Amino acid sequence: MSFLLSLSRFIDALNEKIGQGISWALLLAVLICTGNAVMRYIFNISSNGWLEIQWYLFGAIFLLATSYTLRRNEHVRIDVVVGRFSKRTQVWIDLLGFLLFLMPATLLILYYSVPYAWISIESQEVSSNAGGLIVWPAKLLIPVGFVFLALQGTSEIIKRIGYLKGLVPASAFEKQVATPEEEIAAIKAANKLN
């Protein structure tokens, strides 16, 4: 189990770095979107390539940040119902959800996305839009994103099993951010200081 826990820590660190790195893609997408809008409305100049790069960046953000979101336990869930159960029951629900839903769906999408991306790479697929970009890098993001999601799913399964065996504290997979109530309280406290 110690090897699996080490593997889990490695996967967590990898997806943490990817998540932090992909945050720069969001800034880049906003800058490109702003620049494109300014050029279009002020100078009446536009390019399909600039529009497509925004779509590619959005795809990269979505596909590569899913594993980061899972790592930080920020994915969509039904906390209203599950929150009433004991921590151990919650962990069992997570574990079953990962094993019965997340991993099969992720591996199925991965199975079909690899040939989809490979065909695009082999044919050097280019956008059909005038001035468009090459398409295969965007299609390649699909299997890459799902590989990272499958790795993070594996890490989460390892951590949940480790918790059930008493080897991992719950803090290893609990949410890393403040609740909305905590954020409001922090804002109120900051306003009182000013």
C-alpha atoms as a PDB file:
ATOM      1  CA  MET A   1       0.000   0.000   0.000  1.00  0.00           C
ATOM      2  CA  SER A   2       2.917   2.376   0.606  1.00  0.00           C
ATOM      3  CA  PHE A   3       3.871   2.205  -3.089  1.00  0.00           C
ATOM      4  CA  LEU A   4       0.274   3.037  -4.074  1.00  0.00           C
ATOM      5  CA  LEU A   5       0.181   5.971  -1.663  1.00  0.00           C
ATOM      6  CA  SER A   6       3.472   7.250  -3.132  1.00  0.00           C
ATOM      7  CA  LEU A   7       1.988   6.875  -6.612  1.00  0.00           C
ATOM      8  CA  SER A   8      -1.092   8.791  -5.443  1.00  0.00           C
ATOM      9  CA  ARG A   9       1.069  11.643  -4.118  1.00  0.00           C
ATOM     10  CA  PHE A  10       2.967  11.770  -7.428  1.00  0.00           C
ATOM     11  CA  ILE A  11      -0.284  11.922  -9.442  1.00  0.00           C
ATOM     12  CA  ASP A  12      -1.661  14.612  -7.115  1.00  0.00           C
ATOM     13  CA  ALA A  13       1.478  16.718  -7.521  1.00  0.00           C
ATOM     14  CA  LEU A  14       1.410  16.274 -11.306  1.00  0.00           C
ATOM     15  CA  ASN A  15      -2.222  17.344 -11.613  1.00  0.00           C
ATOM     16  CA  GLU A  16      -1.662  20.223  -9.186  1.00  0.00           C
ATOM     17  CA  LYS A  17       1.108  21.553 -11.460  1.00  0.00           C
ATOM     18  CA  ILE A  18      -1.036  21.072 -14.570  1.00  0.00           C
ATOM     19  CA  GLY A  19      -3.924  22.906 -12.905  1.00  0.00           C
ATOM     20  CA  GLN A  20      -1.712  25.814 -11.941  1.00  0.00           C
ATOM     21  CA  GLY A  21      -0.195  25.930 -15.412  1.00  0.00           C
ATOM     22  CA  ILE A  22      -3.519  25.789 -17.221  1.00  0.00           C
ATOM     23  CA  SER A  23      -4.702  28.810 -15.256  1.00  0.00           C
ATOM     24  CA  TRP A  24      -2.403  30.838 -17.500  1.00  0.00           C
ATOM     25  CA  ALA A  25      -4.356  29.570 -20.517  1.00  0.00           C
ATOM     26  CA  LEU A  26      -7.424  31.282 -19.066  1.00  0.00           C
ATOM     27  CA  LEU A  27      -5.582  34.584 -18.905  1.00  0.00           C
ATOM     28  CA  LEU A  28      -4.321  34.071 -22.447  1.00  0.00           C
ATOM     29  CA  ALA A  29      -7.851  33.272 -23.679  1.00  0.00           C
ATOM     30  CA  VAL A  30      -9.202  36.460 -22.076  1.00  0.00           C
ATOM     31  CA  LEU A  31      -6.437  38.566 -23.628  1.00  0.00           C
ATOM     32  CA  ILE A  32      -6.958  37.045 -27.077  1.00  0.00           C
ATOM     33  CA  CYS A  33     -10.725  37.469 -26.803  1.00  0.00           C
ATOM     34  CA  THR A  34     -10.314  41.111 -25.758  1.00  0.00           C
ATOM     35  CA  GLY A  35      -7.765  41.823 -28.480  1.00  0.00           C
ATOM     36  CA  ASN A  36      -9.920  40.155 -31.102  1.00  0.00           C
ATOM     37  CA  ALA A  37     -13.006  42.154 -30.029  1.00  0.00           C
ATOM     38  CA  VAL A  38     -11.061  45.429 -30.070  1.00  0.00           C
ATOM     39  CA  MET A  39      -9.644  44.698 -33.531  1.00  0.00           C
ATOM     40  CA  ARG A  40     -13.061  43.726 -34.874  1.00  0.00           C
ATOM     41  CA  TYR A  41     -15.076  46.661 -33.494  1.00  0.00           C
ATOM     42  CA  ILE A  42     -12.519  49.446 -33.800  1.00  0.00           C
ATOM     43  CA  PHE A  43     -10.587  48.475 -36.933  1.00  0.00           C
ATOM     44  CA  ASN A  44     -13.133  46.123 -38.544  1.00  0.00           C
ATOM     45  CA  ILE A  45     -10.448  43.410 -38.781  1.00  0.00           C
ATOM     46  CA  SER A  46     -11.138  39.820 -37.774  1.00  0.00           C
ATOM     47  CA  SER A  47      -9.640  36.392 -38.186  1.00  0.00           C
ATOM     48  CA  ASN A  48     -11.049  32.897 -37.872  1.00  0.00           C
ATOM     49  CA  GLY A  49      -7.674  31.796 -36.535  1.00  0.00           C
ATOM     50  CA  TRP A  50      -8.016  34.102 -33.517  1.00  0.00           C
ATOM     51  CA  LEU A  51     -11.532  32.819 -32.857  1.00  0.00           C
ATOM     52  CA  GLU A  52     -10.389  29.211 -33.128  1.00  0.00           C
ATOM     53  CA  ILE A  53      -7.449  29.694 -30.770  1.00  0.00           C
ATOM     54  CA  GLN A  54      -9.954  30.927 -28.171  1.00  0.00           C
ATOM     55  CA  TRP A  55     -11.953  27.714 -28.632  1.00  0.00           C
ATOM     56  CA  TYR A  56      -8.793  25.613 -28.386  1.00  0.00           C
ATOM     57  CA  LEU A  57      -7.751  27.375 -25.184  1.00  0.00           C
ATOM     58  CA  PHE A  58     -11.230  26.883 -23.717  1.00  0.00           C
ATOM     59  CA  GLY A  59     -11.017  23.183 -24.631  1.00  0.00           C
ATOM     60  CA  ALA A  60      -7.573  22.940 -23.031  1.00  0.00           C
ATOM     61  CA  ILE A  61      -8.815  24.652 -19.880  1.00  0.00           C
ATOM     62  CA  PHE A  62     -11.831  22.376 -19.605  1.00  0.00           C
ATOM     63  CA  LEU A  63     -10.077  19.114 -20.467  1.00  0.00           C
ATOM     64  CA  LEU A  64      -6.872  19.639 -18.510  1.00  0.00           C
ATOM     65  CA  ALA A  65      -8.477  21.239 -15.455  1.00  0.00           C
ATOM     66  CA  THR A  66     -10.925  18.385 -14.804  1.00  0.00           C
ATOM     67  CA  SER A  67      -8.241  16.310 -13.104  1.00  0.00           C
ATOM     68  CA  TYR A  68      -7.182  19.351 -11.064  1.00  0.00           C
ATOM     69  CA  THR A  69     -10.811  19.909 -10.065  1.00  0.00           C
ATOM     70  CA  LEU A  70     -11.134  16.280  -8.982  1.00  0.00           C
ATOM     71  CA  ARG A  71      -7.831  16.538  -7.092  1.00  0.00           C
ATOM     72  CA  ARG A  72      -9.156  19.518  -5.124  1.00  0.00           C
ATOM     73  CA  ASN A  73     -12.512  17.786  -4.535  1.00  0.00           C
ATOM     74  CA  GLU A  74     -14.378  20.621  -6.270  1.00  0.00           C
ATOM     75  CA  HIS A  75     -16.343  18.471  -8.710  1.00  0.00           C
ATOM     76  CA  VAL A  76     -20.136  18.520  -8.748  1.00  0.00           C
ATOM     77  CA  ARG A  77     -21.716  16.374  -6.086  1.00  0.00           C
ATOM     78  CA  ILE A  78     -24.816  16.199  -3.934  1.00  0.00           C
ATOM     79  CA  ASP A  79     -23.428  17.436  -0.609  1.00  0.00           C
ATOM     80  CA  VAL A  80     -26.904  18.147   0.768  1.00  0.00           C
ATOM     81  CA  VAL A  81     -27.688  14.430   0.855  1.00  0.00           C
ATOM     82  CA  VAL A  82     -24.225  12.920   1.324  1.00  0.00           C
ATOM     83  CA  GLY A  83     -23.225  15.461   3.988  1.00  0.00           C
ATOM     84  CA  ARG A  84     -25.671  13.883   6.443  1.00  0.00           C
ATOM     85  CA  PHE A  85     -23.793  10.581   6.471  1.00  0.00           C
ATOM     86  CA  SER A  86     -20.742   9.691   8.530  1.00  0.00           C
ATOM     87  CA  LYS A  87     -17.320  10.366   6.984  1.00  0.00           C
ATOM     88  CA  ARG A  88     -16.769   6.643   6.474  1.00  0.00           C
ATOM     89  CA  THR A  89     -20.076   6.300   4.579  1.00  0.00           C
ATOM     90  CA  GLN A  90     -19.202   9.347   2.470  1.00  0.00           C
ATOM     91  CA  VAL A  91     -15.883   7.734   1.565  1.00  0.00           C
ATOM     92  CA  TRP A  92     -17.659   4.513   0.559  1.00  0.00           C
ATOM     93  CA  ILE A  93     -20.047   6.528  -1.639  1.00  0.00           C
ATOM     94  CA  ASP A  94     -17.074   8.306  -3.248  1.00  0.00           C
ATOM     95  CA  LEU A  95     -15.269   5.022  -3.785  1.00  0.00           C
ATOM     96  CA  LEU A  96     -18.290   3.381  -5.414  1.00  0.00           C
ATOM     97  CA  GLY A  97     -18.872   6.483  -7.550  1.00  0.00           C
ATOM     98  CA  PHE A  98     -15.282   6.436  -8.755  1.00  0.00           C
ATOM     99  CA  LEU A  99     -15.315   2.707  -9.491  1.00  0.00           C
ATOM    100  CA  LEU A 100     -18.787   2.464 -11.052  1.00  0.00           C
ATOM    101  CA  PHE A 101     -19.125   5.793 -12.839  1.00  0.00           C
ATOM    102  CA  LEU A 102     -15.981   7.929 -13.142  1.00  0.00           C
ATOM    103  CA  MET A 103     -13.472   5.282 -14.189  1.00  0.00           C
ATOM    104  CA  PRO A 104     -15.692   3.374 -16.663  1.00  0.00           C
ATOM    105  CA  ALA A 105     -16.857   6.604 -18.339  1.00  0.00           C
ATOM    106  CA  THR A 106     -13.331   8.027 -18.425  1.00  0.00           C
ATOM    107  CA  LEU A 107     -11.833   4.851 -19.876  1.00  0.00           C
ATOM    108  CA  LEU A 108     -14.631   4.559 -22.448  1.00  0.00           C
ATOM    109  CA  ILE A 109     -14.096   8.126 -23.649  1.00  0.00           C
ATOM    110  CA  LEU A 110     -10.351   7.532 -23.684  1.00  0.00           C
ATOM    111  CA  TYR A 111     -10.844   4.361 -25.737  1.00  0.00           C
ATOM    112  CA  TYR A 112     -12.809   6.205 -28.427  1.00  0.00           C
ATOM    113  CA  SER A 113     -10.865   9.475 -28.349  1.00  0.00           C
ATOM    114  CA  VAL A 114      -7.449   7.978 -29.106  1.00  0.00           C
ATOM    115  CA  PRO A 115      -8.373   6.799 -32.641  1.00  0.00           C
ATOM    116  CA  TYR A 116     -10.344  10.016 -33.176  1.00  0.00           C
ATOM    117  CA  ALA A 117      -7.263  12.106 -32.387  1.00  0.00           C
ATOM    118  CA  TRP A 118      -4.897   9.752 -34.230  1.00  0.00           C
ATOM    119  CA  ILE A 119      -6.863  10.015 -37.496  1.00  0.00           C
ATOM    120  CA  SER A 120      -6.714  13.800 -37.207  1.00  0.00           C
ATOM    121  CA  ILE A 121      -2.959  13.701 -36.575  1.00  0.00           C
ATOM    122  CA  GLU A 122      -2.287  11.335 -39.489  1.00  0.00           C
ATOM    123  CA  SER A 123      -4.292  13.444 -41.920  1.00  0.00           C
ATOM    124  CA  GLN A 124      -2.876  16.713 -40.538  1.00  0.00           C
ATOM    125  CA  GLU A 125      -6.465  17.945 -40.308  1.00  0.00           C
ATOM    126  CA  VAL A 126      -6.988  21.658 -40.804  1.00  0.00           C
ATOM    127  CA  SER A 127     -10.049  23.750 -40.042  1.00  0.00           C
ATOM    128  CA  SER A 128     -12.488  24.162 -42.924  1.00  0.00           C
ATOM    129  CA  ASN A 129     -12.851  27.860 -42.045  1.00  0.00           C
ATOM    130  CA  ALA A 130     -10.921  30.373 -44.121  1.00  0.00           C
ATOM    131  CA  GLY A 131      -7.787  31.284 -42.192  1.00  0.00           C
ATOM    132  CA  GLY A 132      -8.491  28.532 -39.673  1.00  0.00           C
ATOM    133  CA  LEU A 133      -5.917  26.601 -37.681  1.00  0.00           C
ATOM    134  CA  ILE A 134      -4.754  23.015 -37.644  1.00  0.00           C
ATOM    135  CA  VAL A 135      -7.278  20.887 -35.761  1.00  0.00           C
ATOM    136  CA  TRP A 136      -5.315  17.901 -34.518  1.00  0.00           C
ATOM    137  CA  PRO A 137      -3.792  19.631 -31.431  1.00  0.00           C
ATOM    138  CA  ALA A 138      -7.300  20.378 -30.164  1.00  0.00           C
ATOM    139  CA  LYS A 139      -8.427  16.812 -30.820  1.00  0.00           C
ATOM    140  CA  LEU A 140      -5.302  15.484 -29.112  1.00  0.00           C
ATOM    141  CA  LEU A 141      -6.328  17.357 -25.957  1.00  0.00           C
ATOM    142  CA  ILE A 142      -9.267  14.960 -25.534  1.00  0.00           C
ATOM    143  CA  PRO A 143      -7.274  11.772 -24.845  1.00  0.00           C
ATOM    144  CA  VAL A 144      -4.581  13.722 -22.965  1.00  0.00           C
ATOM    145  CA  GLY A 145      -7.181  15.274 -20.670  1.00  0.00           C
ATOM    146  CA  PHE A 146      -8.849  11.931 -20.043  1.00  0.00           C
ATOM    147  CA  VAL A 147      -5.505  10.244 -19.310  1.00  0.00           C
ATOM    148  CA  PHE A 148      -4.913  12.807 -16.561  1.00  0.00           C
ATOM    149  CA  LEU A 149      -8.491  12.348 -15.320  1.00  0.00           C
ATOM    150  CA  ALA A 150      -8.036   8.555 -15.211  1.00  0.00           C
ATOM    151  CA  LEU A 151      -4.775   9.013 -13.293  1.00  0.00           C
ATOM    152  CA  GLN A 152      -6.434  11.351 -10.806  1.00  0.00           C
ATOM    153  CA  GLY A 153      -9.369   8.963 -10.456  1.00  0.00           C
ATOM    154  CA  THR A 154      -6.884   6.223  -9.626  1.00  0.00           C
ATOM    155  CA  SER A 155      -5.242   8.485  -7.055  1.00  0.00           C
ATOM    156  CA  GLU A 156      -8.604   9.277  -5.453  1.00  0.00           C
ATOM    157  CA  ILE A 157      -9.459   5.574  -5.259  1.00  0.00           C
ATOM    158  CA  ILE A 158      -6.107   4.872  -3.593  1.00  0.00           C
ATOM    159  CA  LYS A 159      -6.656   7.665  -1.052  1.00  0.00           C
ATOM    160  CA  ARG A 160     -10.172   6.472  -0.220  1.00  0.00           C
ATOM    161  CA  ILE A 161      -8.953   2.904   0.312  1.00  0.00           C
ATOM    162  CA  GLY A 162      -6.088   4.276   2.394  1.00  0.00           C
ATOM    163  CA  TYR A 163      -8.588   6.186   4.512  1.00  0.00           C
ATOM    164  CA  LEU A 164     -10.744   3.100   5.028  1.00  0.00           C
ATOM    165  CA  LYS A 165      -7.619   1.201   6.164  1.00  0.00           C
ATOM    166  CA  GLY A 166      -6.666   4.012   8.540  1.00  0.00           C
ATOM    167  CA  LEU A 167      -3.538   4.981   6.573  1.00  0.00           C
ATOM    168  CA  VAL A 168      -4.675   8.316   5.116  1.00  0.00           C
ATOM    169  CA  PRO A 169      -6.325  11.231   6.923  1.00  0.00           C
ATOM    170  CA  ALA A 170      -9.536  12.652   5.467  1.00  0.00           C
ATOM    171  CA  SER A 171      -7.703  15.940   4.877  1.00  0.00           C
ATOM    172  CA  ALA A 172      -5.880  14.238   1.976  1.00  0.00           C
ATOM    173  CA  PHE A 173      -9.032  14.414  -0.139  1.00  0.00           C
ATOM    174  CA  GLU A 174     -11.280  17.039   1.435  1.00  0.00           C
ATOM    175  CA  LYS A 175     -12.041  20.349  -0.262  1.00  0.00           C
ATOM    176  CA  GLN A 176      -9.115  22.725  -0.266  1.00  0.00           C
ATOM    177  CA  VAL A 177     -11.064  25.988  -0.488  1.00  0.00           C
ATOM    178  CA  ALA A 178     -13.262  27.953   1.850  1.00  0.00           C
ATOM    179  CA  THR A 179     -17.016  27.548   1.819  1.00  0.00           C
ATOM    180  CA  PRO A 180     -19.102  30.529   0.628  1.00  0.00           C
ATOM    181  CA  GLU A 181     -19.959  31.278   4.263  1.00  0.00           C
ATOM    182  CA  GLU A 182     -16.253  31.346   5.187  1.00  0.00           C
ATOM    183  CA  GLU A 183     -15.483  33.642   2.242  1.00  0.00           C
ATOM    184  CA  ILE A 184     -18.275  36.065   3.258  1.00  0.00           C
ATOM    185  CA  ALA A 185     -17.048  36.072   6.846  1.00  0.00           C
ATOM    186  CA  ALA A 186     -13.489  36.809   5.637  1.00  0.00           C
ATOM    187  CA  ILE A 187     -14.730  39.704   3.475  1.00  0.00           C
ATOM    188  CA  LYS A 188     -16.720  41.138   6.392  1.00  0.00           C
ATOM    189  CA  ALA A 189     -13.682  40.825   8.670  1.00  0.00           C
ATOM    190  CA  ALA A 190     -11.480  42.559   6.089  1.00  0.00           C
ATOM    191  CA  ASN A 191     -14.007  45.398   5.699  1.00  0.00           C
ATOM    192  CA  LYS A 192     -14.101  45.921   9.479  1.00  0.00           C
ATOM    193  CA  LEU A 193     -10.309  46.323   9.501  1.00  0.00           C
ATOM    194  CA  ASN A 194     -10.481  49.016   6.813  1.00  0.00           C
END
